[in-house]
Amino acid sequence: MQAVFGVQPSLYDAANATSLSDLFRTNVVSPNSRQLTSPALPTDGQFRFTLVGLTPGRTNVVEISPNLSEWFPSFTNVAQSTTAGFTDATGDNVLKRFYRFSELP
């Protein structure tokens, strides 16, 4: 499934974990890999994360899904650097939402 969708595992080195927080590290980034990192849900209810591994000058699309079957474009931008922040201003009062992003050719 990872090869088909190009996703990274969310559980990192489980065999060597000393606590549950070790399983969900968000700061592990391989060089040249595009990832969503630093997820946060501040008190304003607007979910935030950082896109890393971007190619400056290339267009990126963030998509949102309520169920992992249907995906809808939410944000499109041309990367100015290798990282970019994203805030979902429409995410308040949503019980569950999934995110993914891709770099257009």
Protein backbone atom coordinates (compact mmCIF):
# COMPACT_ATOMS: atom_id res chain seq x y z
CA MET A 1 0.00 0.00 0.00
CA GLN A 2 2.87 2.40 0.73
CA ALA A 3 4.26 1.88 -2.74
CA VAL A 4 0.90 2.60 -4.37
CA PHE A 5 0.08 5.76 -2.41
CA GLY A 6 3.62 6.96 -1.65
CA VAL A 7 2.96 7.30 2.09
CA GLN A 8 5.38 6.89 4.95
CA PRO A 9 4.59 4.77 8.02
CA SER A 10 3.21 6.70 10.97
CA LEU A 11 4.59 4.25 13.52
CA TYR A 12 8.34 4.62 13.62
CA ASP A 13 10.82 2.27 15.30
CA ALA A 14 8.25 0.34 17.41
CA ALA A 15 10.72 -2.36 18.48
CA ASN A 16 12.92 0.22 20.20
CA ALA A 17 10.19 2.47 21.62
CA THR A 18 10.41 3.29 25.32
CA SER A 19 7.07 5.11 25.45
CA LEU A 20 3.99 5.67 23.29
CA SER A 21 5.29 9.07 22.20
CA ASP A 22 8.26 7.34 20.52
CA LEU A 23 5.80 5.69 18.12
CA PHE A 24 4.38 8.94 16.82
CA ARG A 25 7.40 11.18 16.28
CA THR A 26 6.66 13.88 13.73
CA ASN A 27 10.17 15.23 13.36
CA VAL A 28 11.67 12.26 11.52
CA VAL A 29 12.26 13.40 7.95
CA SER A 30 14.35 11.62 5.36
CA PRO A 31 16.30 13.82 2.97
CA ASN A 32 14.42 14.49 -0.27
CA SER A 33 11.15 13.03 1.00
CA ARG A 34 7.92 15.01 0.96
CA GLN A 35 6.06 14.75 4.25
CA LEU A 36 3.45 16.37 6.45
CA THR A 37 5.07 17.24 9.79
CA SER A 38 4.41 19.19 12.99
CA PRO A 39 0.64 18.67 13.23
CA ALA A 40 -1.05 20.98 15.71
CA LEU A 41 -4.59 21.81 16.78
CA PRO A 42 -4.44 25.11 18.66
CA THR A 43 -7.31 26.49 20.69
CA ASP A 44 -8.68 28.33 17.63
CA GLY A 45 -9.66 24.92 16.17
CA GLN A 46 -7.73 25.41 12.92
CA PHE A 47 -5.59 22.34 12.23
CA ARG A 48 -2.03 23.20 11.15
CA PHE A 49 0.91 21.28 9.75
CA THR A 50 4.10 21.85 7.82
CA LEU A 51 4.90 20.47 4.38
CA VAL A 52 8.58 19.52 4.04
CA GLY A 53 10.71 18.25 1.18
CA LEU A 54 9.12 20.59 -1.36
CA THR A 55 10.80 21.55 -4.62
CA PRO A 56 10.93 25.34 -5.02
CA GLY A 57 9.05 26.43 -8.13
CA ARG A 58 6.86 23.31 -8.24
CA THR A 59 3.10 23.33 -7.61
CA ASN A 60 1.78 21.42 -4.59
CA VAL A 61 -1.81 20.42 -3.86
CA VAL A 62 -3.15 19.63 -0.37
CA GLU A 63 -6.21 17.38 -0.46
CA ILE A 64 -8.76 16.68 2.28
CA SER A 65 -10.91 13.58 2.78
CA PRO A 66 -13.68 12.73 5.23
CA ASN A 67 -13.31 8.97 4.64
CA LEU A 68 -10.08 8.12 2.71
CA SER A 69 -12.19 7.27 -0.37
CA GLU A 70 -13.15 10.73 -1.60
CA TRP A 71 -10.45 13.41 -1.88
CA PHE A 72 -11.03 17.11 -2.46
CA PRO A 73 -8.41 19.77 -3.27
CA SER A 74 -8.16 22.30 -0.46
CA PHE A 75 -5.03 24.31 -1.13
CA THR A 76 -2.70 24.76 -4.10
CA ASN A 77 0.52 26.74 -4.10
CA VAL A 78 3.86 27.08 -5.84
CA ALA A 79 6.63 26.29 -3.36
CA GLN A 80 8.91 29.22 -2.61
CA SER A 81 11.21 27.06 -0.45
CA THR A 82 11.54 23.45 0.71
CA THR A 83 8.96 23.95 3.50
CA ALA A 84 5.54 25.57 3.73
CA GLY A 85 2.95 25.92 6.47
CA PHE A 86 -0.69 24.92 6.00
CA THR A 87 -3.69 25.95 8.10
CA ASP A 88 -7.10 24.36 7.55
CA ALA A 89 -9.41 27.27 8.35
CA THR A 90 -12.44 25.11 7.42
CA GLY A 91 -11.62 22.29 9.84
CA ASP A 92 -13.36 23.51 12.98
CA ASN A 93 -16.38 21.43 14.03
CA VAL A 94 -15.23 18.50 11.83
CA LEU A 95 -15.03 15.19 13.69
CA LYS A 96 -12.48 13.57 11.40
CA ARG A 97 -10.52 14.65 8.37
CA PHE A 98 -7.58 13.17 6.49
CA TYR A 99 -4.89 15.09 4.63
CA ARG A 100 -2.44 14.32 1.86
CA PHE A 101 -0.44 16.38 -0.56
CA SER A 102 1.29 15.87 -3.85
CA GLU A 103 3.69 17.72 -6.08
CA LEU A 104 2.45 18.23 -9.62
CA PRO A 105 4.76 17.36 -12.53
